[in-house]
Amino acid sequence: FLMSIICNQFPKWLSSFVAASAVFAFGLASRQFVPMQQLDSDNTSSTNSGVTQSKSPAKRNATTSSDDNTNPFLKFWSRLNIKERAAIGTLAVVVSLLTENFLIWVVSATYKPGIVGSPTPLQDNGRIVLEALAKKLWNVEQSWMAKRPLQKIRDTLNVQYALVSALGASFVCLELQLGGKKTSHRSLTGVALHALITLASARLIRYISFVLTVLPSQVPNCYRHHFPPPPDNWKDWILVGMLPSSRGGCNDLILSGHATVTSTIACAATSVSSNTSFSFAVWTLIALDYSIEAYQGLHYSVD
């Protein structure tokens, strides 16, 4: 996490070289070699387990009958290995993102005040407090005069890329079992599965929220810069909603899509780490990054 922030101050070619070297070193370190003794022990244990199963058919039948009485979903889920569960988590994220992409268009294209003009944004008390704080810290007369130094701080820290680096480092620690007792019982695939399910759930809550409550955008003429005029034909209207919108929407303001991603990454990275100071530093920098976004008017502070 700290190395990513430091490397962000280097020239791009040097940062790329450091990143490539780290990936190469971690790739060599994570190679797995299975000793012959372990293979022999695995074969012996599988043989013994086969003998045990053949000697106790009644016990096996009792287990099968008890499984039949459980929830069908839990029964299906228990039969999957960790990689198959991770694949289902990935599919859940993809479906959630595609659904969200379509609903962003639905909300934007049906909010008529945003189509015909720029509706007045809601009063954001959090932003008012941040603007007053920025004026006092930078000793400026108008709050907008502090935008440049605040953006410079945000670019210098580059919290998003630092989080990605921390997530990659946590995966390496899981693969090499470098986290001590806290990570000895955890696997890379298991943490990835939890992160994917968390992200899919957060995106589900997000698009349910902005579909139920539509907020006016804080950006003037937002719809005109993001979407075409709503087509009269229903078929064309639906097709426009299927197009990927990488720049986001105008009225999908509860909750912030970027916040769901960065928060999920931070949860995954800090859950692997056993260092309280590291976790405190990560969440403090994330809070600072979110505060600057709210000050700049990119999102309401409640997002």
Protein backbone atom coordinates (compact mmCIF):
# COMPACT_ATOMS: atom_id res chain seq x y z
CA PHE A 1 0.00 0.00 0.00
CA LEU A 2 2.76 2.43 0.99
CA MET A 3 5.02 1.37 -1.90
CA SER A 4 2.24 2.15 -4.37
CA ILE A 5 1.91 5.70 -3.00
CA ILE A 6 5.70 6.16 -3.14
CA CYS A 7 6.00 4.77 -6.68
CA ASN A 8 3.23 7.12 -7.78
CA GLN A 9 5.77 9.96 -7.36
CA PHE A 10 8.24 8.30 -9.78
CA PRO A 11 8.26 8.74 -13.56
CA LYS A 12 5.83 6.42 -15.34
CA TRP A 13 8.55 4.23 -16.85
CA LEU A 14 10.14 3.67 -13.42
CA SER A 15 6.78 2.91 -11.78
CA SER A 16 6.00 0.40 -14.55
CA PHE A 17 9.40 -1.24 -14.09
CA VAL A 18 8.90 -1.59 -10.32
CA ALA A 19 5.41 -3.04 -10.83
CA ALA A 20 6.64 -5.52 -13.46
CA SER A 21 9.54 -6.58 -11.24
CA ALA A 22 7.20 -7.15 -8.30
CA VAL A 23 4.84 -9.26 -10.41
CA PHE A 24 7.77 -11.31 -11.74
CA ALA A 25 9.19 -11.88 -8.24
CA PHE A 26 5.81 -12.85 -6.78
CA GLY A 27 5.19 -15.18 -9.71
CA LEU A 28 8.43 -17.04 -9.04
CA ALA A 29 7.79 -17.17 -5.31
CA SER A 30 4.27 -18.57 -5.70
CA ARG A 31 5.24 -21.56 -7.83
CA GLN A 32 4.07 -24.78 -6.24
CA PHE A 33 6.09 -27.98 -6.12
CA VAL A 34 4.48 -31.17 -4.85
CA PRO A 35 7.03 -33.50 -3.17
CA MET A 36 6.89 -37.19 -4.00
CA GLN A 37 6.35 -38.04 -0.32
CA GLN A 38 3.19 -35.94 -0.29
CA LEU A 39 1.91 -37.73 -3.39
CA ASP A 40 2.56 -41.08 -1.75
CA SER A 41 0.78 -40.00 1.42
CA ASP A 42 -2.19 -38.70 -0.61
CA ASN A 43 -2.46 -42.02 -2.43
CA THR A 44 -2.29 -43.93 0.86
CA SER A 45 -4.95 -41.76 2.49
CA SER A 46 -7.27 -42.13 -0.54
CA THR A 47 -6.85 -45.91 -0.40
CA ASN A 48 -7.60 -46.00 3.31
CA SER A 49 -10.64 -43.78 2.85
CA GLY A 50 -11.91 -46.12 0.14
CA VAL A 51 -11.59 -49.08 2.48
CA THR A 52 -13.32 -47.22 5.28
CA GLN A 53 -16.22 -46.26 3.02
CA SER A 54 -16.67 -49.81 1.83
CA LYS A 55 -16.78 -51.07 5.42
CA SER A 56 -19.45 -48.60 6.58
CA PRO A 57 -22.30 -48.41 4.02
CA ALA A 58 -24.86 -47.87 6.76
CA LYS A 59 -23.11 -44.71 7.93
CA ARG A 60 -22.91 -43.43 4.36
CA ASN A 61 -26.63 -44.05 3.83
CA ALA A 62 -27.45 -42.21 7.05
CA THR A 63 -25.44 -39.19 5.89
CA THR A 64 -27.16 -39.22 2.50
CA SER A 65 -30.61 -39.36 4.06
CA SER A 66 -29.78 -36.44 6.36
CA ASP A 67 -28.56 -34.40 3.36
CA ASP A 68 -31.86 -35.00 1.58
CA ASN A 69 -33.69 -33.26 4.41
CA THR A 70 -31.63 -30.06 4.20
CA ASN A 71 -32.27 -26.97 2.11
CA PRO A 72 -31.79 -27.77 -1.63
CA PHE A 73 -29.71 -24.63 -2.15
CA LEU A 74 -27.41 -25.45 0.78
CA LYS A 75 -27.11 -29.00 -0.47
CA PHE A 76 -26.12 -27.77 -3.94
CA TRP A 77 -23.71 -25.19 -2.50
CA SER A 78 -22.01 -27.75 -0.26
CA ARG A 79 -21.24 -29.97 -3.25
CA LEU A 80 -19.30 -27.18 -5.00
CA ASN A 81 -15.60 -26.70 -4.44
CA ILE A 82 -14.14 -23.29 -3.66
CA LYS A 83 -13.24 -22.51 -7.29
CA GLU A 84 -16.75 -23.29 -8.51
CA ARG A 85 -18.15 -21.02 -5.80
CA ALA A 86 -15.79 -18.24 -6.88
CA ALA A 87 -17.02 -18.66 -10.47
CA ILE A 88 -20.61 -18.24 -9.26
CA GLY A 89 -19.54 -15.12 -7.35
CA THR A 90 -17.98 -13.71 -10.52
CA LEU A 91 -21.19 -14.42 -12.44
CA ALA A 92 -23.20 -12.66 -9.72
CA VAL A 93 -21.04 -9.54 -10.08
CA VAL A 94 -21.40 -9.55 -13.89
CA VAL A 95 -25.19 -9.91 -13.71
CA SER A 96 -25.38 -7.19 -11.07
CA LEU A 97 -23.28 -4.76 -13.15
CA LEU A 98 -25.28 -5.39 -16.33
CA THR A 99 -28.56 -4.86 -14.49
CA GLU A 100 -27.23 -1.70 -12.89
CA ASN A 101 -26.04 -0.38 -16.27
CA PHE A 102 -29.56 -0.72 -17.70
CA LEU A 103 -31.25 0.81 -14.65
CA ILE A 104 -28.93 3.84 -14.77
CA TRP A 105 -30.29 4.56 -18.24
CA VAL A 106 -33.87 3.94 -17.09
CA VAL A 107 -33.56 6.44 -14.22
CA SER A 108 -31.76 9.06 -16.32
CA ALA A 109 -34.11 8.78 -19.31
CA THR A 110 -37.27 8.99 -17.17
CA TYR A 111 -36.17 11.95 -15.04
CA LYS A 112 -37.57 14.75 -17.22
CA PRO A 113 -36.12 17.72 -15.26
CA GLY A 114 -32.65 16.40 -15.96
CA ILE A 115 -33.32 15.89 -19.67
CA VAL A 116 -34.64 19.35 -20.49
CA GLY A 117 -32.26 21.32 -18.29
CA SER A 118 -30.22 21.41 -15.10
CA PRO A 119 -32.39 20.97 -12.01
CA THR A 120 -31.30 22.67 -8.81
CA PRO A 121 -29.14 20.31 -6.70
CA LEU A 122 -30.22 19.45 -3.19
CA GLN A 123 -28.64 21.19 -0.22
CA ASP A 124 -25.64 19.15 0.92
CA ASN A 125 -24.74 20.07 4.50
CA GLY A 126 -21.72 17.81 4.42
CA ARG A 127 -20.31 19.70 1.44
CA ILE A 128 -21.01 23.04 3.13
CA VAL A 129 -18.96 21.95 6.15
CA LEU A 130 -16.11 20.68 3.93
CA GLU A 131 -16.05 23.94 1.96
CA ALA A 132 -15.86 25.98 5.16
CA LEU A 133 -13.05 23.74 6.42
CA ALA A 134 -11.13 24.10 3.12
CA LYS A 135 -11.42 27.91 3.24
CA LYS A 136 -9.99 27.94 6.75
CA LEU A 137 -7.15 25.48 6.11
CA TRP A 138 -5.94 27.13 2.89
CA ASN A 139 -6.81 30.67 3.99
CA VAL A 140 -8.76 31.53 0.83
CA GLU A 141 -11.75 33.79 0.36
CA GLN A 142 -13.80 31.43 -1.83
CA SER A 143 -14.10 27.66 -1.40
CA TRP A 144 -13.39 26.93 -5.08
CA MET A 145 -9.88 28.38 -4.66
CA ALA A 146 -8.89 25.30 -2.66
CA LYS A 147 -9.87 22.83 -5.39
CA ARG A 148 -6.46 22.72 -7.04
CA PRO A 149 -4.37 21.96 -3.91
CA LEU A 150 -6.93 19.38 -2.77
CA GLN A 151 -6.88 17.65 -6.15
CA LYS A 152 -3.08 17.70 -6.04
CA ILE A 153 -3.19 15.90 -2.67
CA ARG A 154 -5.61 13.35 -4.10
CA ASP A 155 -3.42 12.75 -7.16
CA THR A 156 -0.32 12.40 -4.98
CA LEU A 157 -1.87 9.79 -2.71
CA ASN A 158 -3.71 7.98 -5.52
CA VAL A 159 -5.65 5.94 -3.00
CA GLN A 160 -7.43 3.80 -5.61
CA TYR A 161 -4.23 2.36 -7.06
CA ALA A 162 -2.78 1.95 -3.57
CA LEU A 163 -5.83 -0.15 -2.66
CA VAL A 164 -5.36 -2.33 -5.73
CA SER A 165 -1.71 -2.84 -4.76
CA ALA A 166 -2.72 -3.72 -1.21
CA LEU A 167 -5.24 -6.22 -2.52
CA GLY A 168 -2.61 -7.85 -4.74
CA ALA A 169 -0.17 -8.00 -1.83
CA SER A 170 -2.82 -9.62 0.38
CA PHE A 171 -3.41 -12.27 -2.30
CA VAL A 172 0.32 -12.98 -2.41
CA CYS A 173 0.39 -13.30 1.39
CA LEU A 174 -2.48 -15.77 1.25
CA GLU A 175 -0.80 -17.80 -1.49
CA LEU A 176 2.51 -17.94 0.37
CA GLN A 177 0.94 -18.17 3.87
CA LEU A 178 2.83 -15.08 5.06
CA GLY A 179 0.13 -13.66 7.32
CA GLY A 180 0.71 -15.82 10.37
CA LYS A 181 -2.11 -17.45 12.30
CA LYS A 182 -4.76 -15.08 10.93
CA THR A 183 -4.32 -16.33 7.35
CA SER A 184 -3.28 -19.93 8.03
CA HIS A 185 -6.87 -21.18 7.64
CA ARG A 186 -7.79 -18.91 4.73
CA SER A 187 -7.26 -19.26 0.99
CA LEU A 188 -6.91 -16.80 -1.85
CA THR A 189 -9.98 -18.18 -3.60
CA GLY A 190 -12.04 -17.98 -0.41
CA VAL A 191 -11.21 -14.31 0.18
CA ALA A 192 -11.90 -13.56 -3.49
CA LEU A 193 -15.29 -15.30 -3.20
CA HIS A 194 -16.25 -13.22 -0.15
CA ALA A 195 -15.15 -10.03 -1.94
CA LEU A 196 -17.18 -10.87 -5.06
CA ILE A 197 -20.32 -11.68 -3.09
CA THR A 198 -19.88 -8.49 -1.05
CA LEU A 199 -19.46 -6.39 -4.21
CA ALA A 200 -22.48 -7.97 -5.91
CA SER A 201 -24.60 -7.37 -2.80
CA ALA A 202 -23.43 -3.75 -2.53
CA ARG A 203 -24.27 -3.09 -6.18
CA LEU A 204 -27.69 -4.67 -5.66
CA ILE A 205 -28.38 -2.32 -2.73
CA ARG A 206 -27.04 0.56 -4.83
CA TYR A 207 -29.35 0.21 -7.82
CA ILE A 208 -32.37 -0.55 -5.66
CA SER A 209 -31.64 2.71 -3.79
CA PHE A 210 -31.26 5.00 -6.80
CA VAL A 211 -34.27 3.47 -8.55
CA LEU A 212 -36.47 4.12 -5.53
CA THR A 213 -35.21 7.67 -4.87
CA VAL A 214 -34.02 9.86 -7.77
CA LEU A 215 -31.75 12.77 -6.82
CA PRO A 216 -30.97 15.69 -9.16
CA SER A 217 -27.41 15.69 -10.45
CA GLN A 218 -24.92 18.21 -9.10
CA VAL A 219 -23.27 18.48 -12.54
CA PRO A 220 -24.86 21.05 -14.91
CA ASN A 221 -26.28 19.57 -18.14
CA CYS A 222 -25.22 16.10 -17.03
CA TYR A 223 -27.71 14.19 -19.18
CA ARG A 224 -26.66 16.02 -22.35
CA HIS A 225 -23.03 14.97 -21.83
CA HIS A 226 -23.80 11.32 -21.00
CA PHE A 227 -26.81 10.13 -22.97
CA PRO A 228 -28.61 10.71 -26.27
CA PRO A 229 -32.21 12.01 -26.36
CA PRO A 230 -34.64 9.24 -25.34
CA PRO A 231 -35.82 7.40 -28.49
CA ASP A 232 -39.53 7.19 -29.24
CA ASN A 233 -39.29 3.53 -30.26
CA TRP A 234 -39.32 1.14 -27.29
CA LYS A 235 -36.93 -1.22 -29.03
CA ASP A 236 -34.34 1.51 -29.58
CA TRP A 237 -34.96 2.76 -26.03
CA ILE A 238 -34.06 -0.64 -24.59
CA LEU A 239 -31.05 -1.05 -26.90
CA VAL A 240 -29.60 2.25 -25.69
CA GLY A 241 -29.88 0.94 -22.13
CA MET A 242 -27.90 -2.16 -23.09
CA LEU A 243 -24.89 -0.11 -24.20
CA PRO A 244 -22.12 -0.02 -21.55
CA SER A 245 -21.87 3.34 -19.82
CA SER A 246 -18.33 3.56 -18.49
CA ARG A 247 -18.73 7.19 -17.44
CA GLY A 248 -21.62 6.43 -15.10
CA GLY A 249 -24.96 8.14 -15.04
CA CYS A 250 -26.47 11.35 -13.73
CA ASN A 251 -28.97 10.31 -11.10
CA ASP A 252 -27.42 7.09 -9.73
CA LEU A 253 -26.30 8.98 -6.64
CA ILE A 254 -27.22 6.63 -3.79
CA LEU A 255 -24.91 4.83 -3.27
CA SER A 256 -21.67 5.78 -5.02
CA GLY A 257 -20.52 3.07 -7.41
CA HIS A 258 -16.85 3.91 -6.85
CA ALA A 259 -17.36 3.70 -3.10
CA THR A 260 -18.74 0.16 -3.34
CA VAL A 261 -15.62 -0.97 -5.24
CA THR A 262 -13.01 0.77 -3.10
CA SER A 263 -14.74 -0.24 0.14
CA THR A 264 -14.88 -3.88 -0.94
CA ILE A 265 -11.19 -3.86 -1.89
CA ALA A 266 -10.32 -2.26 1.44
CA CYS A 267 -12.36 -4.86 3.34
CA ALA A 268 -10.58 -7.68 1.53
CA ALA A 269 -7.10 -6.22 2.10
CA THR A 270 -7.57 -5.32 5.76
CA SER A 271 -9.25 -8.64 6.57
CA VAL A 272 -6.05 -10.43 5.59
CA SER A 273 -3.76 -8.06 7.47
CA SER A 274 -3.26 -8.47 11.21
CA ASN A 275 -1.76 -4.99 11.57
CA THR A 276 -4.19 -2.55 13.20
CA SER A 277 -2.12 0.48 12.15
CA PHE A 278 -2.32 -0.59 8.49
CA SER A 279 -6.10 -0.98 8.67
CA PHE A 280 -6.45 2.42 10.35
CA ALA A 281 -4.26 4.06 7.68
CA VAL A 282 -6.24 2.49 4.83
CA TRP A 283 -9.65 3.57 6.11
CA THR A 284 -8.36 7.05 7.03
CA LEU A 285 -7.06 7.63 3.49
CA ILE A 286 -10.30 6.31 2.01
CA ALA A 287 -12.29 8.71 4.18
CA LEU A 288 -10.03 11.55 3.02
CA ASP A 289 -10.53 10.58 -0.62
CA TYR A 290 -14.31 10.42 -0.19
CA SER A 291 -14.29 13.81 1.54
CA ILE A 292 -12.48 15.43 -1.38
CA GLU A 293 -15.02 13.92 -3.81
CA ALA A 294 -17.88 15.34 -1.75
CA TYR A 295 -16.15 18.74 -1.58
CA GLN A 296 -15.72 18.77 -5.35
CA GLY A 297 -19.41 18.10 -5.85
CA LEU A 298 -18.90 14.79 -7.65
CA HIS A 299 -21.27 13.11 -5.19
CA TYR A 300 -23.53 14.09 -2.36
CA SER A 301 -21.82 13.52 0.98
CA VAL A 302 -24.48 10.94 1.93
CA ASP A 303 -23.24 8.73 -0.91
